[in-house]
C-alpha atoms as a PDB file:
ATOM      1  CA  UNK A   1     279.416  56.810 231.192  1.00  0.00           C
ATOM      2  CA  UNK A   2     276.186  59.005 230.531  1.00  0.00           C
ATOM      3  CA  UNK A   3     275.030  57.874 233.695  1.00  0.00           C
ATOM      4  CA  UNK A   4     277.979  59.209 235.354  1.00  0.00           C
ATOM      5  CA  UNK A   5     277.584  62.361 233.366  1.00  0.00           C
ATOM      6  CA  UNK A   6     273.820  62.706 233.844  1.00  0.00           C
ATOM      7  CA  UNK A   7     274.426  62.643 237.225  1.00  0.00           C
ATOM      8  CA  UNK A   8     277.584  64.901 238.000  1.00  0.00           C
ATOM      9  CA  UNK A   9     275.991  67.338 235.531  1.00  0.00           C
ATOM     10  CA  UNK A  10     272.745  67.170 237.726  1.00  0.00           C
ATOM     11  CA  UNK A  11     274.993  68.274 240.730  1.00  0.00           C
ATOM     12  CA  UNK A  12     276.620  71.259 239.238  1.00  0.00           C
ATOM     13  CA  UNK A  13     272.869  72.122 237.931  1.00  0.00           C
ATOM     14  CA  UNK A  14     271.705  71.946 240.938  1.00  0.00           C
ATOM     15  CA  UNK A  15     275.063  73.292 243.164  1.00  0.00           C
ATOM     16  CA  UNK A  16     275.209  76.761 240.553  1.00  0.00           C
ATOM     17  CA  UNK A  17     271.697  77.649 241.500  1.00  0.00           C
ATOM     18  CA  UNK A  18     272.319  77.706 245.601  1.00  0.00           C
ATOM     19  CA  UNK A  19     274.914  80.014 244.393  1.00  0.00           C
ATOM     20  CA  UNK A  20     272.486  82.585 242.888  1.00  0.00           C
ATOM     21  CA  UNK A  21     270.346  81.585 245.187  1.00  0.00           C
ATOM     22  CA  UNK A  22     272.536  82.750 247.483  1.00  0.00           C
ATOM     23  CA  UNK A  23     274.407  85.652 246.143  1.00  0.00           C
ATOM     24  CA  UNK A  24     271.098  86.265 245.444  1.00  0.00           C
ATOM     25  CA  UNK A  25     269.992  86.794 248.678  1.00  0.00           C
ATOM     26  CA  UNK A  26     272.612  89.012 249.791  1.00  0.00           C
ATOM     27  CA  UNK A  27     272.121  91.709 246.654  1.00  0.00           C
ATOM     28  CA  UNK A  28     268.748  91.880 248.097  1.00  0.00           C
ATOM     29  CA  UNK A  29     269.972  92.479 251.624  1.00  0.00           C
ATOM     30  CA  UNK A  30     272.163  95.108 251.045  1.00  0.00           C
ATOM     31  CA  UNK A  31     269.597  97.292 249.457  1.00  0.00           C
ATOM     32  CA  UNK A  32     267.029  97.113 252.262  1.00  0.00           C
ATOM     33  CA  UNK A  33     264.909  95.196 250.083  1.00  0.00           C
ATOM     34  CA  UNK A  34     262.298  93.552 251.979  1.00  0.00           C
ATOM     35  CA  UNK A  35     262.570  89.982 254.043  1.00  0.00           C
ATOM     36  CA  UNK A  36     258.938  88.840 252.584  1.00  0.00           C
ATOM     37  CA  UNK A  37     260.178  90.173 248.750  1.00  0.00           C
ATOM     38  CA  UNK A  38     263.321  87.928 249.139  1.00  0.00           C
ATOM     39  CA  UNK A  39     261.738  85.206 250.784  1.00  0.00           C
ATOM     40  CA  UNK A  40     258.109  84.769 247.712  1.00  0.00           C
ATOM     41  CA  UNK A  41     260.486  85.890 244.782  1.00  0.00           C
ATOM     42  CA  UNK A  42     263.891  85.110 244.822  1.00  0.00           C
ATOM     43  CA  UNK A  43     263.476  81.656 247.544  1.00  0.00           C
ATOM     44  CA  UNK A  44     261.090  81.020 244.450  1.00  0.00           C
ATOM     45  CA  UNK A  45     261.677  81.885 241.977  1.00  0.00           C
ATOM     46  CA  UNK A  46     265.357  80.588 242.340  1.00  0.00           C
ATOM     47  CA  UNK A  47     264.470  77.050 243.335  1.00  0.00           C
ATOM     48  CA  UNK A  48     263.073  76.825 239.714  1.00  0.00           C
ATOM     49  CA  UNK A  49     266.525  77.787 238.195  1.00  0.00           C
ATOM     50  CA  UNK A  50     267.637  74.829 237.601  1.00  0.00           C
ATOM     51  CA  UNK A  51     264.220  73.675 235.656  1.00  0.00           C
ATOM     52  CA  UNK A  52     264.067  76.708 233.593  1.00  0.00           C
ATOM     53  CA  UNK A  53     268.376  75.701 232.791  1.00  0.00           C
ATOM     54  CA  UNK A  54     266.872  72.295 231.709  1.00  0.00           C
ATOM     55  CA  UNK A  55     264.141  73.321 229.472  1.00  0.00           C
ATOM     56  CA  UNK A  56     265.952  76.157 228.092  1.00  0.00           C
ATOM     57  CA  UNK A  57     268.570  73.952 226.659  1.00  0.00           C
ATOM     58  CA  UNK A  58     266.026  71.530 225.232  1.00  0.00           C
ATOM     59  CA  UNK A  59     263.990  74.300 223.348  1.00  0.00           C
ATOM     60  CA  UNK A  60     267.531  75.009 222.420  1.00  0.00           C
ATOM     61  CA  UNK A  61     268.273  71.742 220.790  1.00  0.00           C
ATOM     62  CA  UNK A  62     264.581  71.033 219.906  1.00  0.00           C
ATOM     63  CA  UNK A  63     263.304  68.795 222.206  1.00  0.00           C
ATOM     64  CA  UNK A  64     260.183  70.041 222.856  1.00  0.00           C
ATOM     65  CA  UNK A  65     259.193  66.597 224.869  1.00  0.00           C
ATOM     66  CA  UNK A  66     262.417  66.958 227.572  1.00  0.00           C
ATOM     67  CA  UNK A  67     261.466  70.286 227.833  1.00  0.00           C
ATOM     68  CA  UNK A  68     257.633  70.253 228.240  1.00  0.00           C
ATOM     69  CA  UNK A  69     257.881  66.850 230.341  1.00  0.00           C
ATOM     70  CA  UNK A  70     260.722  68.299 233.390  1.00  0.00           C
ATOM     71  CA  UNK A  71     257.763  71.099 234.241  1.00  0.00           C
ATOM     72  CA  UNK A  72     254.622  68.753 234.060  1.00  0.00           C
ATOM     73  CA  UNK A  73     256.950  66.142 236.120  1.00  0.00           C
ATOM     74  CA  UNK A  74     258.893  68.864 238.713  1.00  0.00           C
ATOM     75  CA  UNK A  75     255.111  70.453 239.301  1.00  0.00           C
ATOM     76  CA  UNK A  76     253.314  67.228 240.365  1.00  0.00           C
ATOM     77  CA  UNK A  77     256.837  66.519 242.339  1.00  0.00           C
ATOM     78  CA  UNK A  78     257.038  69.806 244.202  1.00  0.00           C
ATOM     79  CA  UNK A  79     253.076  69.480 245.803  1.00  0.00           C
ATOM     80  CA  UNK A  80     253.011  65.378 245.812  1.00  0.00           C
ATOM     81  CA  UNK A  81     256.801  64.606 246.274  1.00  0.00           C
ATOM     82  CA  UNK A  82     257.600  68.618 248.417  1.00  0.00           C
ATOM     83  CA  UNK A  83     254.055  68.571 250.284  1.00  0.00           C
ATOM     84  CA  UNK A  84     254.058  64.654 251.016  1.00  0.00           C
ATOM     85  CA  UNK A  85     257.415  65.124 252.930  1.00  0.00           C
ATOM     86  CA  UNK A  86     256.588  68.499 254.697  1.00  0.00           C
ATOM     87  CA  UNK A  87     253.092  67.155 256.222  1.00  0.00           C
ATOM     88  CA  UNK A  88     254.526  63.724 257.118  1.00  0.00           C
ATOM     89  CA  UNK A  89     256.992  64.932 259.347  1.00  0.00           C
ATOM     90  CA  UNK A  90     256.017  67.927 260.440  1.00  0.00           C
ATOM     91  CA  UNK A  91     255.263  67.879 264.344  1.00  0.00           C
ATOM     92  CA  UNK A  92     252.490  71.123 263.536  1.00  0.00           C
ATOM     93  CA  UNK A  93     251.838  73.735 261.052  1.00  0.00           C
ATOM     94  CA  UNK A  94     250.396  77.025 261.885  1.00  0.00           C
ATOM     95  CA  UNK A  95     250.500  78.978 258.445  1.00  0.00           C
ATOM     96  CA  UNK A  96     249.636  82.501 259.380  1.00  0.00           C
ATOM     97  CA  UNK A  97     248.614  83.335 255.812  1.00  0.00           C
ATOM     98  CA  UNK A  98     245.440  82.740 254.674  1.00  0.00           C
ATOM     99  CA  UNK A  99     247.586  80.904 251.856  1.00  0.00           C
ATOM    100  CA  UNK A 100     243.845  78.818 250.622  1.00  0.00           C
ATOM    101  CA  UNK A 101     242.033  83.364 250.156  1.00  0.00           C
ATOM    102  CA  UNK A 102     245.568  84.662 249.163  1.00  0.00           C
ATOM    103  CA  UNK A 103     247.209  82.364 247.224  1.00  0.00           C
ATOM    104  CA  UNK A 104     244.981  80.081 245.497  1.00  0.00           C
ATOM    105  CA  UNK A 105     244.148  81.061 242.760  1.00  0.00           C
ATOM    106  CA  UNK A 106     248.189  81.349 241.720  1.00  0.00           C
ATOM    107  CA  UNK A 107     247.637  77.181 241.678  1.00  0.00           C
ATOM    108  CA  UNK A 108     245.083  76.973 239.172  1.00  0.00           C
ATOM    109  CA  UNK A 109     245.527  79.840 236.867  1.00  0.00           C
ATOM    110  CA  UNK A 110     248.956  78.591 235.462  1.00  0.00           C
ATOM    111  CA  UNK A 111     247.727  75.398 234.783  1.00  0.00           C
ATOM    112  CA  UNK A 112     244.764  76.568 233.443  1.00  0.00           C
ATOM    113  CA  UNK A 113     246.884  79.169 230.712  1.00  0.00           C
ATOM    114  CA  UNK A 114     248.566  75.959 229.893  1.00  0.00           C
ATOM    115  CA  UNK A 115     245.971  73.885 229.322  1.00  0.00           C
ATOM    116  CA  UNK A 116     244.566  76.718 227.321  1.00  0.00           C
ATOM    117  CA  UNK A 117     247.456  77.595 225.267  1.00  0.00           C
ATOM    118  CA  UNK A 118     248.206  73.609 224.370  1.00  0.00           C
ATOM    119  CA  UNK A 119     245.279  72.228 222.672  1.00  0.00           C
ATOM    120  CA  UNK A 120     246.651  73.418 219.262  1.00  0.00           C
ATOM    121  CA  UNK A 121     249.438  70.864 219.857  1.00  0.00           C
ATOM    122  CA  UNK A 122     252.442  73.888 219.871  1.00  0.00           C
ATOM    123  CA  UNK A 123     253.784  77.044 222.785  1.00  0.00           C
ATOM    124  CA  UNK A 124     254.615  79.722 220.210  1.00  0.00           C
ATOM    125  CA  UNK A 125     256.695  82.736 220.958  1.00  0.00           C
ATOM    126  CA  UNK A 126     253.861  84.590 221.200  1.00  0.00           C
ATOM    127  CA  UNK A 127     252.022  82.501 223.637  1.00  0.00           C
ATOM    128  CA  UNK A 128     255.463  82.306 225.374  1.00  0.00           C
ATOM    129  CA  UNK A 129     255.949  85.729 225.952  1.00  0.00           C
ATOM    130  CA  UNK A 130     252.345  85.751 226.917  1.00  0.00           C
ATOM    131  CA  UNK A 131     252.875  83.843 230.025  1.00  0.00           C
ATOM    132  CA  UNK A 132     255.970  85.977 231.468  1.00  0.00           C
ATOM    133  CA  UNK A 133     253.328  88.600 231.603  1.00  0.00           C
ATOM    134  CA  UNK A 134     251.986  86.507 233.648  1.00  0.00           C
ATOM    135  CA  UNK A 135     255.171  86.266 235.688  1.00  0.00           C
ATOM    136  CA  UNK A 136     255.321  89.977 236.016  1.00  0.00           C
ATOM    137  CA  UNK A 137     251.251  89.920 237.272  1.00  0.00           C
ATOM    138  CA  UNK A 138     252.729  87.085 239.777  1.00  0.00           C
ATOM    139  CA  UNK A 139     254.938  89.433 241.088  1.00  0.00           C
ATOM    140  CA  UNK A 140     253.085  92.432 242.052  1.00  0.00           C
ATOM    141  CA  UNK A 141     250.570  89.895 243.465  1.00  0.00           C
ATOM    142  CA  UNK A 142     252.989  89.619 245.518  1.00  0.00           C
ATOM    143  CA  UNK A 143     254.532  92.684 246.039  1.00  0.00           C
ATOM    144  CA  UNK A 144     250.243  94.227 246.890  1.00  0.00           C
ATOM    145  CA  UNK A 145     248.965  90.457 248.499  1.00  0.00           C
ATOM    146  CA  UNK A 146     251.457  91.371 251.753  1.00  0.00           C
ATOM    147  CA  UNK A 147     253.398  93.531 253.922  1.00  0.00           C
ATOM    148  CA  UNK A 148     255.034  90.828 256.821  1.00  0.00           C
ATOM    149  CA  UNK A 149     258.201  89.325 256.794  1.00  0.00           C
ATOM    150  CA  UNK A 150     259.225  85.572 255.239  1.00  0.00           C
ATOM    151  CA  UNK A 151     262.797  84.285 257.250  1.00  0.00           C
ATOM    152  CA  UNK A 152     266.116  84.376 255.589  1.00  0.00           C
ATOM    153  CA  UNK A 153     269.588  83.453 256.501  1.00  0.00           C
ATOM    154  CA  UNK A 154     270.814  84.999 259.362  1.00  0.00           C
ATOM    155  CA  UNK A 155     274.087  83.951 258.488  1.00  0.00           C
ATOM    156  CA  UNK A 156     273.299  86.045 255.373  1.00  0.00           C
ATOM    157  CA  UNK A 157     272.114  89.021 257.448  1.00  0.00           C
ATOM    158  CA  UNK A 158     275.232  89.188 259.472  1.00  0.00           C
ATOM    159  CA  UNK A 159     277.926  88.875 257.374  1.00  0.00           C
ATOM    160  CA  UNK A 160     279.376  92.261 255.733  1.00  0.00           C
ATOM    161  CA  UNK A 161     278.959  92.588 252.003  1.00  0.00           C
ATOM    162  CA  UNK A 162     281.297  92.426 249.273  1.00  0.00           C
ATOM    163  CA  UNK A 163     280.550  92.882 245.344  1.00  0.00           C
ATOM    164  CA  UNK A 164     283.789  90.893 244.443  1.00  0.00           C
ATOM    165  CA  UNK A 165     282.894  87.772 245.720  1.00  0.00           C
ATOM    166  CA  UNK A 166     279.729  88.247 245.079  1.00  0.00           C
ATOM    167  CA  UNK A 167     279.792  88.830 241.403  1.00  0.00           C
ATOM    168  CA  UNK A 168     282.343  85.918 241.332  1.00  0.00           C
ATOM    169  CA  UNK A 169     280.328  83.437 243.106  1.00  0.00           C
ATOM    170  CA  UNK A 170     277.487  84.848 240.438  1.00  0.00           C
ATOM    171  CA  UNK A 171     279.220  83.911 237.361  1.00  0.00           C
ATOM    172  CA  UNK A 172     280.560  80.319 238.811  1.00  0.00           C
ATOM    173  CA  UNK A 173     276.822  79.693 239.749  1.00  0.00           C
ATOM    174  CA  UNK A 174     275.407  80.904 236.322  1.00  0.00           C
ATOM    175  CA  UNK A 175     278.406  78.419 234.859  1.00  0.00           C
ATOM    176  CA  UNK A 176     277.312  75.483 236.889  1.00  0.00           C
ATOM    177  CA  UNK A 177     273.652  75.892 236.313  1.00  0.00           C
ATOM    178  CA  UNK A 178     273.764  75.949 232.747  1.00  0.00           C
ATOM    179  CA  UNK A 179     277.086  73.980 231.476  1.00  0.00           C
ATOM    180  CA  UNK A 180     275.375  71.246 233.826  1.00  0.00           C
ATOM    181  CA  UNK A 181     271.508  71.861 232.292  1.00  0.00           C
ATOM    182  CA  UNK A 182     273.488  71.324 228.670  1.00  0.00           C
ATOM    183  CA  UNK A 183     274.463  68.091 229.654  1.00  0.00           C
ATOM    184  CA  UNK A 184     271.769  67.283 231.939  1.00  0.00           C
ATOM    185  CA  UNK A 185     269.346  67.080 228.194  1.00  0.00           C
ATOM    186  CA  UNK A 186     272.486  65.849 226.130  1.00  0.00           C
ATOM    187  CA  UNK A 187     273.546  62.906 228.220  1.00  0.00           C
ATOM    188  CA  UNK A 188     269.609  61.951 229.360  1.00  0.00           C
ATOM    189  CA  UNK A 189     268.897  61.359 225.235  1.00  0.00           C
ATOM    190  CA  UNK A 190     270.887  59.347 225.065  1.00  0.00           C
ATOM    191  CA  UNK A 191     270.593  57.097 228.219  1.00  0.00           C
ATOM    192  CA  UNK A 192     266.653  57.584 226.233  1.00  0.00           C
ATOM    193  CA  UNK A 193     267.305  56.216 223.580  1.00  0.00           C
ATOM    194  CA  UNK A 194     269.630  53.962 225.379  1.00  0.00           C
ATOM    195  CA  UNK A 195     266.670  51.908 226.603  1.00  0.00           C
ATOM    196  CA  UNK A 196     264.283  53.432 224.070  1.00  0.00           C
ATOM    197  CA  UNK A 197     262.031  55.178 226.500  1.00  0.00           C
ATOM    198  CA  UNK A 198     260.872  58.341 225.209  1.00  0.00           C
ATOM    199  CA  UNK A 199     262.456  61.907 225.996  1.00  0.00           C
ATOM    200  CA  UNK A 200     258.971  62.288 227.409  1.00  0.00           C
ATOM    201  CA  UNK A 201     259.483  59.444 230.282  1.00  0.00           C
ATOM    202  CA  UNK A 202     263.187  61.057 231.030  1.00  0.00           C
ATOM    203  CA  UNK A 203     261.843  64.432 231.280  1.00  0.00           C
ATOM    204  CA  UNK A 204     259.076  63.701 233.160  1.00  0.00           C
ATOM    205  CA  UNK A 205     261.807  61.758 235.957  1.00  0.00           C
ATOM    206  CA  UNK A 206     264.683  62.127 235.478  1.00  0.00           C
ATOM    207  CA  UNK A 207     265.811  65.444 234.880  1.00  0.00           C
ATOM    208  CA  UNK A 208     262.138  66.915 236.892  1.00  0.00           C
ATOM    209  CA  UNK A 209     262.583  64.775 240.138  1.00  0.00           C
ATOM    210  CA  UNK A 210     266.213  65.851 240.172  1.00  0.00           C
ATOM    211  CA  UNK A 211     265.381  70.072 239.271  1.00  0.00           C
ATOM    212  CA  UNK A 212     262.895  69.502 242.222  1.00  0.00           C
ATOM    213  CA  UNK A 213     265.767  68.853 245.110  1.00  0.00           C
ATOM    214  CA  UNK A 214     266.540  72.668 246.198  1.00  0.00           C
ATOM    215  CA  UNK A 215     262.314  73.224 246.566  1.00  0.00           C
ATOM    216  CA  UNK A 216     261.986  70.139 248.517  1.00  0.00           C
ATOM    217  CA  UNK A 217     265.355  71.357 250.637  1.00  0.00           C
ATOM    218  CA  UNK A 218     264.402  74.864 251.079  1.00  0.00           C
ATOM    219  CA  UNK A 219     260.938  73.916 252.626  1.00  0.00           C
ATOM    220  CA  UNK A 220     262.841  70.969 254.873  1.00  0.00           C
ATOM    221  CA  UNK A 221     265.000  74.096 256.067  1.00  0.00           C
ATOM    222  CA  UNK A 222     261.969  76.373 256.622  1.00  0.00           C
ATOM    223  CA  UNK A 223     260.352  73.887 258.290  1.00  0.00           C
ATOM    224  CA  UNK A 224     262.663  73.404 260.182  1.00  0.00           C
ATOM    225  CA  UNK A 225     262.744  76.726 261.670  1.00  0.00           C
ATOM    226  CA  UNK A 226     259.238  76.763 261.847  1.00  0.00           C
ATOM    227  CA  UNK A 227     258.176  78.859 258.788  1.00  0.00           C
ATOM    228  CA  UNK A 228     255.141  76.903 257.350  1.00  0.00           C
ATOM    229  CA  UNK A 229     254.555  79.994 254.888  1.00  0.00           C
ATOM    230  CA  UNK A 230     257.810  80.051 253.209  1.00  0.00           C
ATOM    231  CA  UNK A 231     257.548  75.841 252.857  1.00  0.00           C
ATOM    232  CA  UNK A 232     254.923  76.432 251.145  1.00  0.00           C
ATOM    233  CA  UNK A 233     254.837  79.419 249.171  1.00  0.00           C
ATOM    234  CA  UNK A 234     258.190  78.367 248.638  1.00  0.00           C
ATOM    235  CA  UNK A 235     255.884  75.543 246.317  1.00  0.00           C
ATOM    236  CA  UNK A 236     253.313  78.256 244.794  1.00  0.00           C
ATOM    237  CA  UNK A 237     256.184  80.291 244.099  1.00  0.00           C
ATOM    238  CA  UNK A 238     258.151  77.705 242.121  1.00  0.00           C
ATOM    239  CA  UNK A 239     254.129  75.596 240.326  1.00  0.00           C
ATOM    240  CA  UNK A 240     254.180  79.385 239.217  1.00  0.00           C
ATOM    241  CA  UNK A 241     257.601  79.831 237.657  1.00  0.00           C
ATOM    242  CA  UNK A 242     257.227  76.869 236.493  1.00  0.00           C
ATOM    243  CA  UNK A 243     254.144  78.119 233.958  1.00  0.00           C
ATOM    244  CA  UNK A 244     255.968  81.509 232.880  1.00  0.00           C
ATOM    245  CA  UNK A 245     259.250  81.836 233.725  1.00  0.00           C
ATOM    246  CA  UNK A 246     260.061  77.750 232.003  1.00  0.00           C
ATOM    247  CA  UNK A 247     257.824  77.204 229.522  1.00  0.00           C
ATOM    248  CA  UNK A 248     257.868  80.706 228.547  1.00  0.00           C
ATOM    249  CA  UNK A 249     260.935  80.945 228.151  1.00  0.00           C
ATOM    250  CA  UNK A 250     262.197  77.976 226.658  1.00  0.00           C
ATOM    251  CA  UNK A 251     259.116  78.792 223.596  1.00  0.00           C
ATOM    252  CA  UNK A 252     261.092  81.694 223.171  1.00  0.00           C
ATOM    253  CA  UNK A 253     264.307  80.033 222.038  1.00  0.00           C
ATOM    254  CA  UNK A 254     261.937  77.581 219.815  1.00  0.00           C
ATOM    255  CA  UNK A 255     257.477  76.808 219.861  1.00  0.00           C
ATOM    256  CA  UNK A 256     257.154  73.700 221.831  1.00  0.00           C
ATOM    257  CA  UNK A 257     255.188  70.756 220.387  1.00  0.00           C
ATOM    258  CA  UNK A 258     252.527  69.460 223.549  1.00  0.00           C
ATOM    259  CA  UNK A 259     250.129  66.604 222.651  1.00  0.00           C
ATOM    260  CA  UNK A 260     247.189  66.429 225.437  1.00  0.00           C
ATOM    261  CA  UNK A 261     246.194  63.364 223.897  1.00  0.00           C
ATOM    262  CA  UNK A 262     249.210  60.815 224.000  1.00  0.00           C
ATOM    263  CA  UNK A 263     250.085  62.570 227.954  1.00  0.00           C
ATOM    264  CA  UNK A 264     246.292  62.801 228.849  1.00  0.00           C
ATOM    265  CA  UNK A 265     247.967  61.254 232.549  1.00  0.00           C
ATOM    266  CA  UNK A 266     250.509  62.490 233.409  1.00  0.00           C
ATOM    267  CA  UNK A 267     249.084  66.064 232.286  1.00  0.00           C
ATOM    268  CA  UNK A 268     245.681  64.437 234.660  1.00  0.00           C
ATOM    269  CA  UNK A 269     247.852  63.482 237.444  1.00  0.00           C
ATOM    270  CA  UNK A 270     249.386  67.383 237.473  1.00  0.00           C
ATOM    271  CA  UNK A 271     245.604  68.698 237.504  1.00  0.00           C
ATOM    272  CA  UNK A 272     245.035  66.065 240.356  1.00  0.00           C
ATOM    273  CA  UNK A 273     247.813  67.127 242.157  1.00  0.00           C
ATOM    274  CA  UNK A 274     246.786  70.636 241.990  1.00  0.00           C
ATOM    275  CA  UNK A 275     243.034  70.784 242.834  1.00  0.00           C
ATOM    276  CA  UNK A 276     244.384  68.304 245.985  1.00  0.00           C
ATOM    277  CA  UNK A 277     246.561  71.327 247.173  1.00  0.00           C
ATOM    278  CA  UNK A 278     244.212  73.666 247.092  1.00  0.00           C
ATOM    279  CA  UNK A 279     241.502  71.431 248.986  1.00  0.00           C
ATOM    280  CA  UNK A 280     244.172  70.842 251.905  1.00  0.00           C
ATOM    281  CA  UNK A 281     244.206  74.685 251.887  1.00  0.00           C
ATOM    282  CA  UNK A 282     240.835  75.287 252.059  1.00  0.00           C
ATOM    283  CA  UNK A 283     240.718  72.270 254.531  1.00  0.00           C
ATOM    284  CA  UNK A 284     244.489  72.574 255.839  1.00  0.00           C
ATOM    285  CA  UNK A 285     245.356  69.600 256.267  1.00  0.00           C
ATOM    286  CA  UNK A 286     249.477  70.632 256.889  1.00  0.00           C
ATOM    287  CA  UNK A 287     249.182  67.293 258.641  1.00  0.00           C
ATOM    288  CA  UNK A 288     249.603  63.449 257.955  1.00  0.00           C
ATOM    289  CA  UNK A 289     246.091  63.196 257.066  1.00  0.00           C
ATOM    290  CA  UNK A 290     246.954  65.682 253.973  1.00  0.00           C
ATOM    291  CA  UNK A 291     251.193  63.964 253.055  1.00  0.00           C
ATOM    292  CA  UNK A 292     249.040  60.809 252.776  1.00  0.00           C
ATOM    293  CA  UNK A 293     246.461  62.121 249.737  1.00  0.00           C
ATOM    294  CA  UNK A 294     249.098  63.323 247.962  1.00  0.00           C
ATOM    295  CA  UNK A 295     251.611  60.517 248.546  1.00  0.00           C
ATOM    296  CA  UNK A 296     248.963  58.013 246.639  1.00  0.00           C
ATOM    297  CA  UNK A 297     248.984  60.741 244.082  1.00  0.00           C
ATOM    298  CA  UNK A 298     252.747  60.631 243.657  1.00  0.00           C
ATOM    299  CA  UNK A 299     252.786  55.991 243.667  1.00  0.00           C
ATOM    300  CA  UNK A 300     250.202  56.618 241.242  1.00  0.00           C
ATOM    301  CA  UNK A 301     252.094  59.126 238.918  1.00  0.00           C
ATOM    302  CA  UNK A 302     255.270  56.041 239.243  1.00  0.00           C
ATOM    303  CA  UNK A 303     253.324  53.330 239.066  1.00  0.00           C
ATOM    304  CA  UNK A 304     251.742  54.546 235.396  1.00  0.00           C
ATOM    305  CA  UNK A 305     255.398  55.496 234.594  1.00  0.00           C
ATOM    306  CA  UNK A 306     256.644  51.957 235.237  1.00  0.00           C
ATOM    307  CA  UNK A 307     254.444  50.216 233.567  1.00  0.00           C
ATOM    308  CA  UNK A 308     254.998  52.846 230.437  1.00  0.00           C
ATOM    309  CA  UNK A 309     258.285  51.450 229.904  1.00  0.00           C
END
């Protein structure tokens, strides 16, 4: 029964996040907010809503391993799985934005800050506030670093804006996302106990893989439309949001316990994936070579988890 609840709740979580993303775009377009800001903030942050909901609910129930593992797994899957698949299937990718020059700092900075804050074994509420300030810094950076537009859903531009419809769908989206996250955490914990698997492994794979699906869908749609900037930028923005908003928000509800020594391999894989993305951006390996590189790291990540069961 817990398996059925888990997958239904995960579907509700992702579907609810989809409502919030689309209706947020409608509001932004109604107020003439630029396409660049919509794409670089609402889309990237919106696809991180499932991770945020799952980790905050886990933190509320004092399940630190689930909350932190969800972020570690999501960041790893975003880079290795999502970009690995994107690079593998894309015929040609030529981002117009100099991603290495402008965005490389935002790949490593959140990881370094996470490691520093986790060194004493606890991410406190104060450190959670600092994470949220990092999110503010990222938003300011996005507003100041580029004036170019990113694509959004063309159908939304053509639709007539209706406040009542948008507000109703937003409420439905938040209800589905929050309630779905609650059931995902509880059923995930029950599954872990049932099979004698740690909550860290459940958060690292089952929950983080499911909450990474919005990033995968958005990136694949962007590639189909020939928008390489949005595809890669979505992952960079989502990973910044995972650390700042997700861990920051979760630690405000309750301090998070983190064991760098016990989970050194999984955290090391996340660092390796981040460094690999930096190398890919520096050498413009937006092709099958880059994909193989990332998918090899993903294979190591999965193999270690299977061996650990």
